[in-house]
Amino acid sequence: MAGGDASSGAAPVPETAGEAEVDAGFEFAFDNEAFSDRVLRIEVVGAGRKRRREGEDGEGNTPVLRVKTVHISSVILAAKSSFFFKLFSNGMKESGQRQSTVRIADSEENAFMELLRFMYNGRLTPTTESTLLVDILMAADKFDVVSCIKLCGQRLIGLPMTLESAVRCLDLPCSISMAADLSEAAKKFLAKRYKKFLSTKFQDELMRIPLAGIVAILSRNLPGVASEKSVYDFVLRWADLQYPNSEQRREILSSSLLPMVPLRCSMTNVILIDQPSCIINFSLKREHCSGSFPSGSMRSPPFYCAGHGFFLSAHRRMEPSNSFVLIIQKLEDKGLVRGTVDYDIEVKTTPSLEFTTLWRRTTTTGCTQGFGCSVPWSEVIPDDSPFFIDDKLHIRVHVKITPAAVVMHALATSMMCFIHDERGEAPVLLTYELGEQC
């Protein structure tokens, strides 16, 4: 990469207060054989942006794309970098040879060449590209060039963020000076850029942003969001794309994201996983049921069984009859197990204080419709309702998946979406498409 003025034609970035020049007079010696005592062999490998520290050189089966050689002064490099000081003085065979080798990723190549020049002249090439500065900062951290780390940090604070540079600043190691300041600047940038994060024009970009960025966006932009359900659906969709492993996805959702979703009413739950079946206990407060309906709904955190995701929703349905409805809905299907699914919804009632079956259903893992049951609203909400104990409605959901290999016969009614009322009343057809507003 050429030194001096930026070849892009961008206006030079002036040095801010505190940006000290370090031994600027050695630029003449860079890659000059007459003033060099060693040759640096640079092996460029196709490893993307995967960051490596000292000792993680990427050796093994990683293919070498190209090799560059640069004449260097071991004294200059050792004075600026503890990495090169150790490389040239560790007593190993290579430290006594005229040629030394380093291996870098192809995405690090430009930044590493800039870093080598910096160690000679103490200057950064004038640039307004924050992404390049982040690259140089990461290279400086990898090769322990402290003076360059400081200068890059100062320069980045004064430059506008881009989406790429902001995302990468969120992942800076704490060993980098100003990492906390850069991370905060990145969070502010992302929060402002995605103030309307539910807008369809941003969805593709947002699905690629890491967890720290999503947390920053949600934490600063949730007040004023009109649709709680849309936020909930957005969080589930993002987690599903970022974390294909169901256990990891469940942990991220429960620990980092769902607590931030401003659901007007939420279900408290204890999730017990017993693959390939799971039993989930939910409790709904009477005040939430009576106060949020009919305008609102309640949705549980997701739960998983044999790799398949589900959630429970509750709402008041006015048509065709005024009723309280519980629906088990399926998340986007990525489970590997195929077969039948047995659903049970139970409620605890007085005076027995025991769980009794409210609804039961068998279907297949390929069916993405929602299934559930309804209870007349007039039986749910009265003060003497048998469904509330200490002003809480206790619900138990049991989901069991039986792999197709052990199913002895096809279930003739597996794809039907009828819900049979346990009181013997006529079946009620309740068909909910995945993602439909409850």
Protein backbone atom coordinates (compact mmCIF):
# COMPACT_ATOMS: atom_id res chain seq x y z
CA MET A 1 0.00 0.00 0.00
CA ALA A 2 1.42 3.36 -0.97
CA GLY A 3 2.43 5.76 1.80
CA GLY A 4 1.85 9.49 1.92
CA ASP A 5 -1.48 10.85 0.65
CA ALA A 6 -4.42 8.51 0.36
CA SER A 7 -4.77 7.21 -3.18
CA SER A 8 -8.58 7.39 -2.95
CA GLY A 9 -8.50 11.18 -3.19
CA ALA A 10 -10.26 11.60 0.17
CA ALA A 11 -9.38 14.68 2.16
CA PRO A 12 -6.52 13.99 4.61
CA VAL A 13 -7.58 13.48 8.20
CA PRO A 14 -5.72 15.92 10.47
CA GLU A 15 -4.06 14.57 13.56
CA THR A 16 -6.13 15.23 16.66
CA ALA A 17 -4.70 16.52 19.87
CA GLY A 18 -2.56 13.89 21.50
CA GLU A 19 -1.72 11.95 18.31
CA ALA A 20 2.01 11.78 18.67
CA GLU A 21 4.37 10.91 15.84
CA VAL A 22 6.80 8.11 16.68
CA ASP A 23 10.25 8.13 15.11
CA ALA A 24 8.97 9.53 11.84
CA GLY A 25 12.49 9.72 10.41
CA PHE A 26 12.88 5.99 9.61
CA GLU A 27 10.50 5.85 6.66
CA PHE A 28 13.42 5.87 4.22
CA ALA A 29 14.53 2.48 5.58
CA PHE A 30 11.25 0.66 4.99
CA ASP A 31 11.73 -2.28 2.59
CA ASN A 32 15.19 -0.91 1.76
CA GLU A 33 17.75 -3.68 1.58
CA ALA A 34 20.63 -1.29 2.32
CA PHE A 35 19.22 -0.49 5.78
CA SER A 36 17.78 -3.91 6.61
CA ASP A 37 19.25 -6.94 8.31
CA ARG A 38 16.38 -9.37 7.73
CA VAL A 39 13.74 -10.48 5.24
CA LEU A 40 10.18 -10.86 6.50
CA ARG A 41 8.31 -13.61 4.69
CA ILE A 42 4.55 -12.91 4.83
CA GLU A 43 2.32 -15.90 4.12
CA VAL A 44 -1.22 -14.80 3.25
CA VAL A 45 -3.87 -17.44 3.92
CA GLY A 46 -7.58 -17.52 3.09
CA ALA A 47 -8.97 -17.29 6.61
CA GLY A 48 -11.39 -14.36 6.32
CA ARG A 49 -11.53 -12.02 9.28
CA LYS A 50 -10.95 -14.63 11.95
CA ARG A 51 -8.79 -12.96 14.54
CA ARG A 52 -5.67 -14.75 15.78
CA ARG A 53 -3.42 -13.88 18.66
CA GLU A 54 0.21 -14.85 19.09
CA GLY A 55 0.57 -18.59 18.84
CA GLU A 56 -2.58 -18.95 16.70
CA ASP A 57 -0.84 -18.78 13.37
CA GLY A 58 -3.41 -20.64 11.32
CA GLU A 59 -1.03 -23.42 10.34
CA GLY A 60 -2.34 -26.80 9.36
CA ASN A 61 -4.54 -27.31 6.35
CA THR A 62 -5.18 -23.62 5.70
CA PRO A 63 -4.03 -22.94 2.12
CA VAL A 64 -1.42 -20.25 1.46
CA LEU A 65 -2.80 -17.91 -1.19
CA ARG A 66 0.38 -15.91 -1.79
CA VAL A 67 3.73 -15.00 -0.26
CA LYS A 68 5.19 -11.50 0.06
CA THR A 69 8.70 -10.56 1.18
CA VAL A 70 9.73 -7.28 2.79
CA HIS A 71 13.18 -6.14 3.83
CA ILE A 72 13.04 -5.10 7.48
CA SER A 73 15.19 -3.80 10.30
CA SER A 74 14.89 -6.11 13.29
CA VAL A 75 15.92 -3.25 15.62
CA ILE A 76 13.08 -0.96 14.47
CA LEU A 77 10.41 -3.66 14.59
CA ALA A 78 11.59 -5.01 17.94
CA ALA A 79 11.52 -1.51 19.42
CA LYS A 80 7.89 -0.97 18.44
CA SER A 81 6.43 -4.47 18.87
CA SER A 82 6.86 -6.98 21.70
CA PHE A 83 5.72 -9.65 19.23
CA PHE A 84 8.69 -9.00 16.95
CA PHE A 85 11.01 -8.54 19.93
CA LYS A 86 10.20 -12.09 21.03
CA LEU A 87 10.37 -13.39 17.46
CA PHE A 88 13.91 -12.06 17.00
CA SER A 89 15.26 -12.90 20.46
CA ASN A 90 13.59 -16.09 21.70
CA GLY A 91 16.66 -18.23 21.08
CA MET A 92 14.85 -20.50 18.64
CA LYS A 93 16.50 -21.45 15.37
CA GLU A 94 14.50 -18.92 13.37
CA SER A 95 15.60 -16.02 15.61
CA GLY A 96 19.15 -16.44 14.37
CA GLN A 97 18.26 -16.67 10.70
CA ARG A 98 18.09 -13.79 8.26
CA GLN A 99 14.56 -14.70 7.17
CA SER A 100 11.54 -14.70 9.52
CA THR A 101 8.00 -15.78 8.68
CA VAL A 102 4.60 -14.53 9.81
CA ARG A 103 1.23 -15.79 8.64
CA ILE A 104 -1.81 -13.52 8.27
CA ALA A 105 -5.32 -13.81 6.86
CA ASP A 106 -6.04 -12.32 3.46
CA SER A 107 -8.40 -9.80 5.06
CA GLU A 108 -5.53 -8.59 7.27
CA GLU A 109 -3.04 -7.98 4.47
CA ASN A 110 -3.63 -4.27 3.81
CA ALA A 111 -3.82 -3.47 7.50
CA PHE A 112 -0.61 -5.38 8.25
CA MET A 113 1.33 -3.52 5.56
CA GLU A 114 0.04 -0.24 7.03
CA LEU A 115 1.19 -1.43 10.45
CA LEU A 116 4.69 -2.19 9.17
CA ARG A 117 4.95 1.32 7.70
CA PHE A 118 3.70 2.80 10.96
CA MET A 119 6.51 1.12 12.86
CA TYR A 120 8.96 2.96 10.61
CA ASN A 121 7.39 6.40 10.36
CA GLY A 122 4.91 6.67 13.27
CA ARG A 123 2.13 7.81 10.92
CA LEU A 124 -1.15 6.38 9.69
CA THR A 125 -2.07 6.85 6.05
CA PRO A 126 -4.67 9.67 5.95
CA THR A 127 -8.04 8.00 5.58
CA THR A 128 -11.69 8.60 6.32
CA GLU A 129 -12.49 4.88 6.20
CA SER A 130 -13.33 3.74 9.72
CA THR A 131 -13.36 0.09 8.62
CA LEU A 132 -9.71 0.26 7.54
CA LEU A 133 -8.79 1.86 10.86
CA VAL A 134 -10.50 -0.98 12.72
CA ASP A 135 -8.48 -3.44 10.63
CA ILE A 136 -5.24 -1.63 11.52
CA LEU A 137 -6.29 -1.50 15.17
CA MET A 138 -6.87 -5.25 15.23
CA ALA A 139 -3.54 -5.90 13.53
CA ALA A 140 -1.78 -3.60 16.01
CA ASP A 141 -3.34 -5.52 18.88
CA LYS A 142 -2.37 -8.86 17.36
CA PHE A 143 1.27 -7.81 16.96
CA ASP A 144 1.42 -5.73 20.18
CA VAL A 145 2.19 -2.35 18.66
CA VAL A 146 0.94 -0.23 21.58
CA SER A 147 1.57 3.18 20.03
CA CYS A 148 -0.50 2.26 16.96
CA ILE A 149 -3.35 0.93 19.09
CA LYS A 150 -3.58 4.28 20.86
CA LEU A 151 -3.43 6.31 17.65
CA CYS A 152 -6.08 4.17 15.90
CA GLY A 153 -8.41 4.52 18.86
CA GLN A 154 -8.08 8.30 18.90
CA ARG A 155 -8.65 8.52 15.15
CA LEU A 156 -11.70 6.22 15.21
CA ILE A 157 -13.42 8.26 17.92
CA GLY A 158 -13.31 11.26 15.59
CA LEU A 159 -14.63 9.47 12.48
CA PRO A 160 -18.22 8.59 11.53
CA MET A 161 -19.11 4.94 12.05
CA THR A 162 -20.21 2.61 9.28
CA LEU A 163 -22.33 -0.50 9.78
CA GLU A 164 -19.31 -2.77 9.30
CA SER A 165 -17.00 -0.80 11.57
CA ALA A 166 -19.68 -0.51 14.27
CA VAL A 167 -20.31 -4.25 14.29
CA ARG A 168 -16.60 -4.94 14.58
CA CYS A 169 -16.10 -2.35 17.33
CA LEU A 170 -18.61 -4.27 19.44
CA ASP A 171 -16.24 -7.24 19.40
CA LEU A 172 -13.01 -5.46 20.34
CA PRO A 173 -11.08 -7.27 23.09
CA CYS A 174 -10.91 -5.46 26.43
CA SER A 175 -7.11 -5.43 26.18
CA ILE A 176 -7.39 -2.66 23.58
CA SER A 177 -7.24 0.81 25.05
CA MET A 178 -10.41 2.80 24.29
CA ALA A 179 -12.29 -0.45 23.52
CA ALA A 180 -15.08 0.58 25.89
CA ASP A 181 -15.38 4.03 24.29
CA LEU A 182 -15.46 2.58 20.79
CA SER A 183 -18.03 -0.01 21.80
CA GLU A 184 -20.27 2.70 23.24
CA ALA A 185 -19.91 4.79 20.08
CA ALA A 186 -20.86 1.73 18.02
CA LYS A 187 -23.96 1.11 20.14
CA LYS A 188 -25.09 4.72 19.72
CA PHE A 189 -24.58 4.48 15.97
CA LEU A 190 -26.59 1.26 15.68
CA ALA A 191 -29.39 2.53 17.93
CA LYS A 192 -29.74 5.68 15.83
CA ARG A 193 -29.46 3.90 12.47
CA TYR A 194 -32.10 1.34 13.41
CA LYS A 195 -34.42 3.56 15.41
CA LYS A 196 -37.23 2.11 13.30
CA PHE A 197 -35.86 -1.41 13.49
CA LEU A 198 -39.20 -3.02 12.68
CA SER A 199 -39.25 -1.40 9.24
CA THR A 200 -39.07 -3.98 6.45
CA LYS A 201 -36.20 -2.16 4.71
CA PHE A 202 -33.83 -2.99 7.59
CA GLN A 203 -34.63 -6.65 8.13
CA ASP A 204 -31.87 -8.19 5.98
CA GLU A 205 -29.21 -6.00 7.62
CA LEU A 206 -30.48 -6.65 11.13
CA MET A 207 -30.41 -10.41 10.70
CA ARG A 208 -26.61 -10.19 10.29
CA ILE A 209 -25.93 -8.02 13.34
CA PRO A 210 -24.47 -9.88 16.35
CA LEU A 211 -26.08 -10.16 19.76
CA ALA A 212 -24.37 -7.13 21.29
CA GLY A 213 -25.72 -4.94 18.49
CA ILE A 214 -29.27 -6.27 18.78
CA VAL A 215 -29.20 -5.70 22.54
CA ALA A 216 -28.03 -2.11 21.97
CA ILE A 217 -30.78 -1.48 19.42
CA LEU A 218 -33.53 -2.93 21.60
CA SER A 219 -32.39 -1.30 24.84
CA ARG A 220 -32.46 2.19 23.32
CA ASN A 221 -35.36 1.97 20.90
CA LEU A 222 -38.09 -0.05 22.60
CA PRO A 223 -39.90 2.89 24.23
CA GLY A 224 -42.55 4.06 21.80
CA VAL A 225 -42.73 0.83 19.78
CA ALA A 226 -46.38 0.32 18.94
CA SER A 227 -46.48 -3.43 18.32
CA GLU A 228 -45.25 -5.62 21.14
CA LYS A 229 -45.97 -8.73 19.12
CA SER A 230 -43.85 -7.45 16.22
CA VAL A 231 -40.88 -6.98 18.57
CA TYR A 232 -41.40 -10.48 19.94
CA ASP A 233 -41.56 -11.98 16.44
CA PHE A 234 -38.47 -10.01 15.39
CA VAL A 235 -36.47 -11.36 18.34
CA LEU A 236 -37.52 -14.95 17.63
CA ARG A 237 -36.69 -14.62 13.93
CA TRP A 238 -33.25 -13.13 14.63
CA ALA A 239 -32.39 -15.81 17.19
CA ASP A 240 -33.51 -18.57 14.84
CA LEU A 241 -31.14 -17.37 12.11
CA GLN A 242 -28.17 -16.62 14.38
CA TYR A 243 -28.36 -19.72 16.60
CA PRO A 244 -29.42 -22.89 14.73
CA ASN A 245 -28.63 -24.96 17.84
CA SER A 246 -31.88 -25.04 19.81
CA GLU A 247 -30.27 -25.21 23.26
CA GLN A 248 -27.99 -22.26 22.55
CA ARG A 249 -30.87 -20.33 21.01
CA ARG A 250 -33.06 -20.96 24.05
CA GLU A 251 -30.31 -19.75 26.38
CA ILE A 252 -29.75 -16.54 24.40
CA LEU A 253 -33.46 -15.80 24.24
CA SER A 254 -34.14 -16.43 27.91
CA SER A 255 -31.05 -14.68 29.29
CA SER A 256 -30.49 -11.74 26.93
CA LEU A 257 -33.44 -10.92 24.67
CA LEU A 258 -36.87 -11.90 25.95
CA PRO A 259 -36.44 -10.00 29.25
CA MET A 260 -36.14 -6.85 27.12
CA VAL A 261 -39.30 -7.40 25.08
CA PRO A 262 -41.97 -5.04 26.47
CA LEU A 263 -44.85 -7.48 26.50
CA ARG A 264 -47.72 -5.82 28.31
CA CYS A 265 -48.51 -9.17 29.90
CA SER A 266 -46.14 -12.08 30.15
CA MET A 267 -46.46 -15.64 31.34
CA THR A 268 -44.20 -16.82 34.13
CA ASN A 269 -42.96 -20.30 33.46
CA VAL A 270 -40.73 -23.10 34.59
CA ILE A 271 -39.53 -25.16 31.65
CA LEU A 272 -38.56 -28.78 32.18
CA ILE A 273 -36.98 -30.49 29.21
CA ASP A 274 -37.19 -34.27 29.07
CA GLN A 275 -36.37 -35.14 25.49
CA PRO A 276 -38.22 -36.22 23.47
CA SER A 277 -40.95 -34.77 25.67
CA CYS A 278 -41.26 -31.65 27.77
CA ILE A 279 -43.58 -30.41 30.49
CA ILE A 280 -44.03 -26.67 30.91
CA ASN A 281 -45.83 -24.92 33.75
CA PHE A 282 -47.30 -21.45 33.22
CA SER A 283 -49.10 -19.11 35.58
CA LEU A 284 -51.25 -16.16 34.48
CA LYS A 285 -52.38 -13.49 36.93
CA ARG A 286 -56.08 -12.70 37.06
CA GLU A 287 -55.38 -8.98 36.70
CA HIS A 288 -53.52 -9.61 33.44
CA CYS A 289 -56.31 -11.74 32.05
CA SER A 290 -59.03 -9.26 32.93
CA GLY A 291 -57.07 -6.08 32.22
CA SER A 292 -55.38 -6.85 28.92
CA PHE A 293 -58.25 -8.48 27.09
CA PRO A 294 -59.80 -8.09 24.60
CA SER A 295 -57.20 -5.71 23.18
CA GLY A 296 -54.12 -7.69 24.16
CA SER A 297 -52.68 -11.16 24.29
CA MET A 298 -50.06 -13.05 26.26
CA ARG A 299 -47.28 -15.15 24.82
CA SER A 300 -44.84 -17.43 26.56
CA PRO A 301 -41.10 -17.70 25.94
CA PRO A 302 -40.30 -20.45 23.43
CA PHE A 303 -39.80 -24.01 24.58
CA TYR A 304 -38.24 -26.89 22.70
CA CYS A 305 -38.82 -30.58 22.28
CA ALA A 306 -36.62 -32.84 20.13
CA GLY A 307 -35.31 -29.76 18.31
CA HIS A 308 -38.77 -28.36 17.53
CA GLY A 309 -39.78 -24.99 18.98
CA PHE A 310 -43.17 -24.03 20.40
CA PHE A 311 -44.83 -21.28 22.41
CA LEU A 312 -48.14 -20.87 24.19
CA SER A 313 -50.41 -17.91 23.52
CA ALA A 314 -53.55 -16.80 25.35
CA HIS A 315 -56.18 -14.29 24.29
CA ARG A 316 -59.85 -13.48 24.35
CA ARG A 317 -61.81 -14.37 21.24
CA MET A 318 -65.06 -12.51 20.54
CA GLU A 319 -66.21 -14.46 17.46
CA PRO A 320 -67.95 -16.82 16.97
CA SER A 321 -68.39 -16.79 20.77
CA ASN A 322 -66.96 -14.82 23.68
CA SER A 323 -64.25 -17.18 24.96
CA PHE A 324 -60.81 -17.52 26.49
CA VAL A 325 -58.45 -19.27 24.06
CA LEU A 326 -55.17 -21.12 24.64
CA ILE A 327 -53.12 -21.96 21.54
CA ILE A 328 -49.89 -23.96 21.18
CA GLN A 329 -48.07 -22.58 18.17
CA LYS A 330 -45.01 -23.91 16.39
CA LEU A 331 -41.91 -21.90 15.56
CA GLU A 332 -40.22 -22.21 12.17
CA ASP A 333 -39.59 -25.91 11.76
CA LYS A 334 -35.91 -26.88 11.77
CA GLY A 335 -36.15 -29.97 13.97
CA LEU A 336 -34.47 -33.08 12.61
CA VAL A 337 -36.88 -35.50 14.29
CA ARG A 338 -39.95 -36.33 12.23
CA GLY A 339 -42.98 -38.16 13.52
CA THR A 340 -46.09 -37.51 15.60
CA VAL A 341 -46.67 -34.82 18.22
CA ASP A 342 -48.91 -35.34 21.24
CA TYR A 343 -50.19 -32.15 22.87
CA ASP A 344 -51.87 -31.89 26.27
CA ILE A 345 -53.15 -28.74 27.96
CA GLU A 346 -54.10 -29.09 31.62
CA VAL A 347 -55.36 -26.58 34.18
CA LYS A 348 -55.40 -26.70 37.96
CA THR A 349 -58.91 -26.24 39.35
CA THR A 350 -60.68 -25.93 42.65
CA PRO A 351 -61.61 -27.57 44.88
CA SER A 352 -59.28 -30.51 44.10
CA LEU A 353 -56.23 -28.30 43.35
CA GLU A 354 -55.20 -30.98 40.86
CA PHE A 355 -54.40 -30.61 37.18
CA THR A 356 -57.17 -31.83 34.90
CA THR A 357 -57.04 -32.28 31.15
CA LEU A 358 -58.58 -29.38 29.29
CA TRP A 359 -57.59 -30.46 25.78
CA ARG A 360 -55.56 -33.17 24.03
CA ARG A 361 -54.43 -33.51 20.43
CA THR A 362 -52.18 -35.65 18.20
CA THR A 363 -50.75 -34.34 14.93
CA THR A 364 -47.48 -34.53 12.97
CA THR A 365 -44.25 -32.57 13.21
CA GLY A 366 -44.82 -31.29 9.68
CA CYS A 367 -48.00 -29.44 10.64
CA THR A 368 -47.26 -25.76 11.35
CA GLN A 369 -50.78 -24.77 12.35
CA GLY A 370 -51.65 -23.67 15.84
CA PHE A 371 -53.76 -25.95 18.02
CA GLY A 372 -55.62 -25.27 21.21
CA CYS A 373 -58.86 -24.97 23.10
CA SER A 374 -61.40 -22.43 24.27
CA VAL A 375 -63.38 -21.90 27.46
CA PRO A 376 -66.42 -19.59 27.67
CA TRP A 377 -65.30 -16.22 28.99
CA SER A 378 -68.20 -16.24 31.47
CA GLU A 379 -66.69 -19.33 33.14
CA VAL A 380 -63.17 -17.98 33.33
CA ILE A 381 -63.42 -14.49 34.75
CA PRO A 382 -65.98 -14.60 37.67
CA ASP A 383 -64.70 -14.26 41.24
CA ASP A 384 -65.79 -17.83 41.97
CA SER A 385 -64.16 -19.23 38.84
CA PRO A 386 -62.71 -22.72 39.46
CA PHE A 387 -59.78 -21.86 37.20
CA PHE A 388 -58.12 -19.29 39.48
CA ILE A 389 -56.20 -20.26 42.61
CA ASP A 390 -54.86 -17.35 44.66
CA ASP A 391 -55.72 -15.16 41.67
CA LYS A 392 -53.53 -17.19 39.34
CA LEU A 393 -54.46 -19.45 36.46
CA HIS A 394 -52.12 -22.46 36.46
CA ILE A 395 -51.58 -24.12 33.07
CA ARG A 396 -49.51 -27.19 32.26
CA VAL A 397 -48.50 -28.02 28.70
CA HIS A 398 -47.08 -31.41 27.81
CA VAL A 399 -45.54 -31.94 24.36
CA LYS A 400 -44.25 -35.35 23.30
CA ILE A 401 -42.66 -36.21 19.96
CA THR A 402 -42.57 -39.81 18.77
CA PRO A 403 -40.16 -40.44 15.85
CA ALA A 404 -41.75 -41.82 12.69
CA ALA A 405 -39.60 -44.96 12.89
CA VAL A 406 -41.50 -46.19 15.94
CA VAL A 407 -45.00 -45.16 14.88
CA MET A 408 -46.91 -48.36 14.13
CA HIS A 409 -49.77 -46.86 12.20
CA ALA A 410 -50.75 -43.55 10.58
CA LEU A 411 -53.06 -41.30 12.54
CA ALA A 412 -56.04 -40.80 10.31
CA THR A 413 -56.89 -37.47 11.88
CA SER A 414 -53.35 -36.12 12.31
CA MET A 415 -53.75 -33.18 9.96
CA MET A 416 -57.19 -32.11 11.24
CA CYS A 417 -57.37 -28.92 13.21
CA PHE A 418 -60.56 -29.55 15.20
CA ILE A 419 -60.53 -28.94 18.92
CA HIS A 420 -62.78 -31.19 20.99
CA ASP A 421 -64.29 -29.61 24.07
CA GLU A 422 -63.92 -31.83 27.13
CA ARG A 423 -67.45 -30.92 28.22
CA GLY A 424 -68.87 -32.76 25.24
CA GLU A 425 -69.92 -29.72 23.23
CA ALA A 426 -69.63 -29.62 19.46
CA PRO A 427 -66.07 -29.32 18.05
CA VAL A 428 -64.85 -25.79 17.41
CA LEU A 429 -62.65 -25.15 14.40
CA LEU A 430 -59.67 -23.03 15.48
CA THR A 431 -57.00 -22.84 12.80
CA TYR A 432 -54.10 -20.46 13.36
CA GLU A 433 -51.34 -19.99 10.86
CA LEU A 434 -47.85 -19.69 12.25
CA GLY A 435 -47.12 -16.08 13.13
CA GLU A 436 -50.75 -14.97 12.91
CA GLN A 437 -51.85 -12.29 15.37
CA CYS A 438 -53.43 -13.96 18.38
